[in-house]
């Protein structure tokens, strides 16, 4: 709580680059919460989503980012498994993109001090890299959905196994790189 209060106190010194990145954190968190929420929620829930999305934008280096991501995934699971809502491709891709952008932008915002002078090229390269990752993931998802149309039960299983293999390979690579002298 002390960290969050210190972050709010330092907002008067914020410069354009960190403000832009924290704005992306806020928009990604709010968009993810909106897309994952079950249909028919009361309008006052939007105020709760706004407040919840503001917390990781103010303190991107804390546990708030993880809590918002877990809330987003939890609402998606409740809507699709408990309420049996039919998951649309657009909503799924939008929620996944919002989660990725939330995580990616929060990681950048966590290392940028409020009063940092950030070169435009740094932000441009970050945005292009994020856009390329989202485009590649979206294209792969659409390709898998096209190639495996009649296998509704096995398509999530294949995607899960491939995704877990990629995550395991990334963790192994990062662990190996972290141990280098």
C-alpha atoms as a PDB file:
ATOM      1  CA  UNK A   1       0.000   0.000   0.000  1.00  0.00           C
ATOM      2  CA  UNK A   2       2.894   2.342   0.773  1.00  0.00           C
ATOM      3  CA  UNK A   3       4.296   1.736  -2.696  1.00  0.00           C
ATOM      4  CA  UNK A   4       0.978   2.642  -4.316  1.00  0.00           C
ATOM      5  CA  UNK A   5       0.727   5.858  -2.273  1.00  0.00           C
ATOM      6  CA  UNK A   6       4.281   6.788  -3.238  1.00  0.00           C
ATOM      7  CA  UNK A   7       3.428   6.138  -6.889  1.00  0.00           C
ATOM      8  CA  UNK A   8       0.389   8.418  -6.711  1.00  0.00           C
ATOM      9  CA  UNK A   9       2.446  11.147  -4.997  1.00  0.00           C
ATOM     10  CA  UNK A  10       5.065  11.036  -7.769  1.00  0.00           C
ATOM     11  CA  UNK A  11       2.506  11.420 -10.587  1.00  0.00           C
ATOM     12  CA  UNK A  12       3.195  15.164 -10.779  1.00  0.00           C
ATOM     13  CA  UNK A  13       6.645  14.474 -12.250  1.00  0.00           C
ATOM     14  CA  UNK A  14       5.520  12.121 -15.019  1.00  0.00           C
ATOM     15  CA  UNK A  15       6.814  12.678 -18.550  1.00  0.00           C
ATOM     16  CA  UNK A  16       5.308  11.668 -21.884  1.00  0.00           C
ATOM     17  CA  UNK A  17       6.955   8.274 -22.433  1.00  0.00           C
ATOM     18  CA  UNK A  18       6.105   6.717 -19.081  1.00  0.00           C
ATOM     19  CA  UNK A  19       2.614   8.240 -19.271  1.00  0.00           C
ATOM     20  CA  UNK A  20       2.038   6.639 -22.663  1.00  0.00           C
ATOM     21  CA  UNK A  21       3.214   3.214 -21.482  1.00  0.00           C
ATOM     22  CA  UNK A  22       1.080   3.411 -18.327  1.00  0.00           C
ATOM     23  CA  UNK A  23      -1.849   4.459 -20.509  1.00  0.00           C
ATOM     24  CA  UNK A  24      -1.379   1.281 -22.537  1.00  0.00           C
ATOM     25  CA  UNK A  25      -1.371  -0.707 -19.284  1.00  0.00           C
ATOM     26  CA  UNK A  26      -4.674   0.896 -18.262  1.00  0.00           C
ATOM     27  CA  UNK A  27      -6.366   0.440 -21.656  1.00  0.00           C
ATOM     28  CA  UNK A  28      -5.184  -3.170 -21.972  1.00  0.00           C
ATOM     29  CA  UNK A  29      -6.373  -4.032 -18.454  1.00  0.00           C
ATOM     30  CA  UNK A  30      -9.770  -2.389 -18.973  1.00  0.00           C
ATOM     31  CA  UNK A  31     -10.244  -3.952 -22.418  1.00  0.00           C
ATOM     32  CA  UNK A  32      -9.340  -7.408 -21.138  1.00  0.00           C
ATOM     33  CA  UNK A  33     -11.768  -7.110 -18.246  1.00  0.00           C
ATOM     34  CA  UNK A  34     -14.558  -5.926 -20.549  1.00  0.00           C
ATOM     35  CA  UNK A  35     -14.029  -8.673 -23.110  1.00  0.00           C
ATOM     36  CA  UNK A  36     -13.802 -11.436 -20.512  1.00  0.00           C
ATOM     37  CA  UNK A  37     -16.790 -10.313 -18.455  1.00  0.00           C
ATOM     38  CA  UNK A  38     -19.980 -12.311 -18.756  1.00  0.00           C
ATOM     39  CA  UNK A  39     -22.733 -10.619 -20.718  1.00  0.00           C
ATOM     40  CA  UNK A  40     -25.455  -8.752 -18.904  1.00  0.00           C
ATOM     41  CA  UNK A  41     -23.305  -7.208 -16.187  1.00  0.00           C
ATOM     42  CA  UNK A  42     -24.728  -4.050 -14.612  1.00  0.00           C
ATOM     43  CA  UNK A  43     -23.284  -0.720 -15.745  1.00  0.00           C
ATOM     44  CA  UNK A  44     -21.849  -0.009 -12.301  1.00  0.00           C
ATOM     45  CA  UNK A  45     -19.452  -2.914 -12.848  1.00  0.00           C
ATOM     46  CA  UNK A  46     -17.741  -0.713 -15.437  1.00  0.00           C
ATOM     47  CA  UNK A  47     -16.718   1.633 -12.625  1.00  0.00           C
ATOM     48  CA  UNK A  48     -15.220  -1.315 -10.798  1.00  0.00           C
ATOM     49  CA  UNK A  49     -13.364  -2.333 -13.955  1.00  0.00           C
ATOM     50  CA  UNK A  50     -12.060   1.232 -14.354  1.00  0.00           C
ATOM     51  CA  UNK A  51     -10.775   1.252 -10.777  1.00  0.00           C
ATOM     52  CA  UNK A  52      -9.277  -2.220 -11.116  1.00  0.00           C
ATOM     53  CA  UNK A  53      -7.547  -1.287 -14.390  1.00  0.00           C
ATOM     54  CA  UNK A  54      -6.087   1.884 -12.853  1.00  0.00           C
ATOM     55  CA  UNK A  55      -4.209   0.011 -10.130  1.00  0.00           C
ATOM     56  CA  UNK A  56      -1.661  -1.746 -12.407  1.00  0.00           C
ATOM     57  CA  UNK A  57      -1.208   1.504 -14.337  1.00  0.00           C
ATOM     58  CA  UNK A  58      -0.223   3.234 -11.096  1.00  0.00           C
ATOM     59  CA  UNK A  59       1.897   0.391  -9.704  1.00  0.00           C
ATOM     60  CA  UNK A  60       2.986  -1.810 -12.631  1.00  0.00           C
ATOM     61  CA  UNK A  61       5.811  -3.483 -10.709  1.00  0.00           C
ATOM     62  CA  UNK A  62       3.597  -5.024  -8.065  1.00  0.00           C
ATOM     63  CA  UNK A  63       1.184  -7.888  -7.752  1.00  0.00           C
ATOM     64  CA  UNK A  64      -1.699  -5.807  -9.182  1.00  0.00           C
ATOM     65  CA  UNK A  65      -0.892  -6.846 -12.754  1.00  0.00           C
ATOM     66  CA  UNK A  66      -1.105 -10.513 -11.826  1.00  0.00           C
ATOM     67  CA  UNK A  67      -4.387  -9.988  -9.963  1.00  0.00           C
ATOM     68  CA  UNK A  68      -5.985  -8.187 -12.923  1.00  0.00           C
ATOM     69  CA  UNK A  69      -4.803 -10.916 -15.290  1.00  0.00           C
ATOM     70  CA  UNK A  70      -6.187 -13.609 -12.986  1.00  0.00           C
ATOM     71  CA  UNK A  71      -9.487 -11.727 -12.704  1.00  0.00           C
ATOM     72  CA  UNK A  72      -9.681 -11.528 -16.494  1.00  0.00           C
ATOM     73  CA  UNK A  73      -8.987 -15.230 -16.982  1.00  0.00           C
ATOM     74  CA  UNK A  74     -11.346 -16.098 -14.136  1.00  0.00           C
ATOM     75  CA  UNK A  75     -14.211 -14.123 -15.671  1.00  0.00           C
ATOM     76  CA  UNK A  76     -13.553 -15.755 -19.044  1.00  0.00           C
ATOM     77  CA  UNK A  77     -13.691 -19.209 -17.476  1.00  0.00           C
ATOM     78  CA  UNK A  78     -16.849 -18.411 -15.522  1.00  0.00           C
ATOM     79  CA  UNK A  79     -18.551 -17.105 -18.647  1.00  0.00           C
ATOM     80  CA  UNK A  80     -17.585 -20.014 -20.886  1.00  0.00           C
ATOM     81  CA  UNK A  81     -17.759 -22.897 -18.408  1.00  0.00           C
ATOM     82  CA  UNK A  82     -20.363 -21.858 -15.870  1.00  0.00           C
ATOM     83  CA  UNK A  83     -22.686 -19.762 -18.038  1.00  0.00           C
ATOM     84  CA  UNK A  84     -21.888 -21.888 -21.129  1.00  0.00           C
ATOM     85  CA  UNK A  85     -21.392 -18.853 -23.356  1.00  0.00           C
ATOM     86  CA  UNK A  86     -20.205 -19.657 -26.865  1.00  0.00           C
ATOM     87  CA  UNK A  87     -16.642 -18.298 -27.160  1.00  0.00           C
ATOM     88  CA  UNK A  88     -16.255 -16.254 -30.331  1.00  0.00           C
ATOM     89  CA  UNK A  89     -12.947 -16.032 -32.137  1.00  0.00           C
ATOM     90  CA  UNK A  90     -12.867 -12.236 -32.000  1.00  0.00           C
ATOM     91  CA  UNK A  91     -13.553 -12.112 -28.291  1.00  0.00           C
ATOM     92  CA  UNK A  92     -10.973 -14.796 -27.593  1.00  0.00           C
ATOM     93  CA  UNK A  93      -8.280 -13.080 -29.682  1.00  0.00           C
ATOM     94  CA  UNK A  94      -9.147  -9.690 -28.172  1.00  0.00           C
ATOM     95  CA  UNK A  95      -8.895 -10.990 -24.623  1.00  0.00           C
ATOM     96  CA  UNK A  96      -5.613 -12.766 -25.335  1.00  0.00           C
ATOM     97  CA  UNK A  97      -4.181  -9.641 -26.992  1.00  0.00           C
ATOM     98  CA  UNK A  98      -5.260  -7.492 -24.057  1.00  0.00           C
ATOM     99  CA  UNK A  99      -3.610  -9.887 -21.596  1.00  0.00           C
ATOM    100  CA  UNK A 100      -0.377  -9.886 -23.597  1.00  0.00           C
ATOM    101  CA  UNK A 101      -0.327  -6.101 -23.903  1.00  0.00           C
ATOM    102  CA  UNK A 102      -1.091  -5.713 -20.205  1.00  0.00           C
ATOM    103  CA  UNK A 103       1.812  -7.958 -19.273  1.00  0.00           C
ATOM    104  CA  UNK A 104       4.203  -6.462 -21.825  1.00  0.00           C
ATOM    105  CA  UNK A 105       3.395  -2.811 -21.121  1.00  0.00           C
ATOM    106  CA  UNK A 106       3.450  -3.336 -17.351  1.00  0.00           C
ATOM    107  CA  UNK A 107       6.919  -4.877 -17.610  1.00  0.00           C
ATOM    108  CA  UNK A 108       8.164  -1.812 -19.494  1.00  0.00           C
ATOM    109  CA  UNK A 109       6.351   0.618 -17.202  1.00  0.00           C
ATOM    110  CA  UNK A 110       7.824  -1.066 -14.129  1.00  0.00           C
ATOM    111  CA  UNK A 111      11.369  -0.184 -15.194  1.00  0.00           C
ATOM    112  CA  UNK A 112      10.603   3.359 -16.392  1.00  0.00           C
ATOM    113  CA  UNK A 113      10.805   6.026 -13.710  1.00  0.00           C
ATOM    114  CA  UNK A 114       8.043   8.635 -13.816  1.00  0.00           C
ATOM    115  CA  UNK A 115      10.394  11.392 -14.897  1.00  0.00           C
ATOM    116  CA  UNK A 116      12.352   9.373 -17.487  1.00  0.00           C
ATOM    117  CA  UNK A 117      13.070  10.983 -20.835  1.00  0.00           C
ATOM    118  CA  UNK A 118      12.412   8.148 -23.278  1.00  0.00           C
ATOM    119  CA  UNK A 119      13.566   8.334 -26.871  1.00  0.00           C
ATOM    120  CA  UNK A 120      10.716   7.921 -29.363  1.00  0.00           C
ATOM    121  CA  UNK A 121      12.647   5.141 -31.112  1.00  0.00           C
ATOM    122  CA  UNK A 122      12.587   3.040 -27.952  1.00  0.00           C
ATOM    123  CA  UNK A 123       8.808   3.260 -27.731  1.00  0.00           C
ATOM    124  CA  UNK A 124       8.417   2.700 -31.467  1.00  0.00           C
ATOM    125  CA  UNK A 125      10.571  -0.455 -31.410  1.00  0.00           C
ATOM    126  CA  UNK A 126       8.642  -1.712 -28.378  1.00  0.00           C
ATOM    127  CA  UNK A 127       5.312  -1.092 -30.135  1.00  0.00           C
ATOM    128  CA  UNK A 128       6.447  -2.760 -33.365  1.00  0.00           C
ATOM    129  CA  UNK A 129       7.776  -5.787 -31.483  1.00  0.00           C
ATOM    130  CA  UNK A 130       4.519  -6.116 -29.555  1.00  0.00           C
ATOM    131  CA  UNK A 131       2.488  -5.753 -32.737  1.00  0.00           C
ATOM    132  CA  UNK A 132       4.521  -8.437 -34.500  1.00  0.00           C
ATOM    133  CA  UNK A 133       4.038 -10.875 -31.622  1.00  0.00           C
ATOM    134  CA  UNK A 134       0.282 -10.231 -31.597  1.00  0.00           C
ATOM    135  CA  UNK A 135       0.043 -10.578 -35.385  1.00  0.00           C
ATOM    136  CA  UNK A 136       2.002 -13.845 -35.393  1.00  0.00           C
ATOM    137  CA  UNK A 137      -0.071 -15.300 -32.548  1.00  0.00           C
ATOM    138  CA  UNK A 138      -3.325 -14.225 -34.217  1.00  0.00           C
ATOM    139  CA  UNK A 139      -2.270 -15.648 -37.574  1.00  0.00           C
ATOM    140  CA  UNK A 140      -1.253 -18.949 -35.981  1.00  0.00           C
ATOM    141  CA  UNK A 141      -4.530 -19.138 -34.088  1.00  0.00           C
ATOM    142  CA  UNK A 142      -6.601 -18.469 -37.193  1.00  0.00           C
ATOM    143  CA  UNK A 143      -4.505 -20.972 -39.167  1.00  0.00           C
ATOM    144  CA  UNK A 144      -5.062 -23.673 -36.542  1.00  0.00           C
ATOM    145  CA  UNK A 145      -8.776 -22.912 -36.476  1.00  0.00           C
ATOM    146  CA  UNK A 146      -8.926 -23.225 -40.264  1.00  0.00           C
ATOM    147  CA  UNK A 147      -6.814 -26.370 -40.514  1.00  0.00           C
ATOM    148  CA  UNK A 148      -8.568 -28.178 -37.658  1.00  0.00           C
ATOM    149  CA  UNK A 149     -12.213 -27.086 -38.126  1.00  0.00           C
ATOM    150  CA  UNK A 150     -13.975 -30.351 -37.320  1.00  0.00           C
ATOM    151  CA  UNK A 151     -11.909 -31.105 -34.244  1.00  0.00           C
ATOM    152  CA  UNK A 152     -13.452 -28.795 -31.657  1.00  0.00           C
ATOM    153  CA  UNK A 153     -12.501 -31.094 -28.795  1.00  0.00           C
ATOM    154  CA  UNK A 154      -8.907 -31.660 -29.904  1.00  0.00           C
ATOM    155  CA  UNK A 155      -8.080 -28.151 -31.144  1.00  0.00           C
ATOM    156  CA  UNK A 156      -7.770 -26.684 -27.629  1.00  0.00           C
ATOM    157  CA  UNK A 157      -5.744 -29.727 -26.607  1.00  0.00           C
ATOM    158  CA  UNK A 158      -3.301 -29.289 -29.507  1.00  0.00           C
ATOM    159  CA  UNK A 159      -2.989 -25.575 -28.808  1.00  0.00           C
ATOM    160  CA  UNK A 160      -2.452 -26.273 -25.103  1.00  0.00           C
ATOM    161  CA  UNK A 161       0.296 -28.835 -25.736  1.00  0.00           C
ATOM    162  CA  UNK A 162       2.074 -26.612 -28.285  1.00  0.00           C
ATOM    163  CA  UNK A 163       1.772 -23.604 -25.985  1.00  0.00           C
ATOM    164  CA  UNK A 164       3.130 -25.535 -23.004  1.00  0.00           C
ATOM    165  CA  UNK A 165       6.047 -26.780 -25.108  1.00  0.00           C
ATOM    166  CA  UNK A 166       6.900 -23.234 -26.172  1.00  0.00           C
ATOM    167  CA  UNK A 167       6.681 -21.972 -22.572  1.00  0.00           C
ATOM    168  CA  UNK A 168       8.858 -24.852 -21.326  1.00  0.00           C
ATOM    169  CA  UNK A 169      11.450 -24.137 -24.030  1.00  0.00           C
ATOM    170  CA  UNK A 170      11.449 -20.425 -23.170  1.00  0.00           C
ATOM    171  CA  UNK A 171      11.875 -21.132 -19.451  1.00  0.00           C
ATOM    172  CA  UNK A 172      14.722 -23.555 -20.170  1.00  0.00           C
ATOM    173  CA  UNK A 173      16.442 -21.014 -22.422  1.00  0.00           C
ATOM    174  CA  UNK A 174      16.061 -18.186 -19.914  1.00  0.00           C
ATOM    175  CA  UNK A 175      17.314 -20.391 -17.100  1.00  0.00           C
ATOM    176  CA  UNK A 176      20.354 -21.376 -19.125  1.00  0.00           C
ATOM    177  CA  UNK A 177      21.056 -17.764 -20.098  1.00  0.00           C
ATOM    178  CA  UNK A 178      20.686 -16.690 -16.477  1.00  0.00           C
ATOM    179  CA  UNK A 179      23.370 -19.108 -15.351  1.00  0.00           C
ATOM    180  CA  UNK A 180      25.966 -17.864 -17.818  1.00  0.00           C
ATOM    181  CA  UNK A 181      28.910 -15.955 -16.313  1.00  0.00           C
END
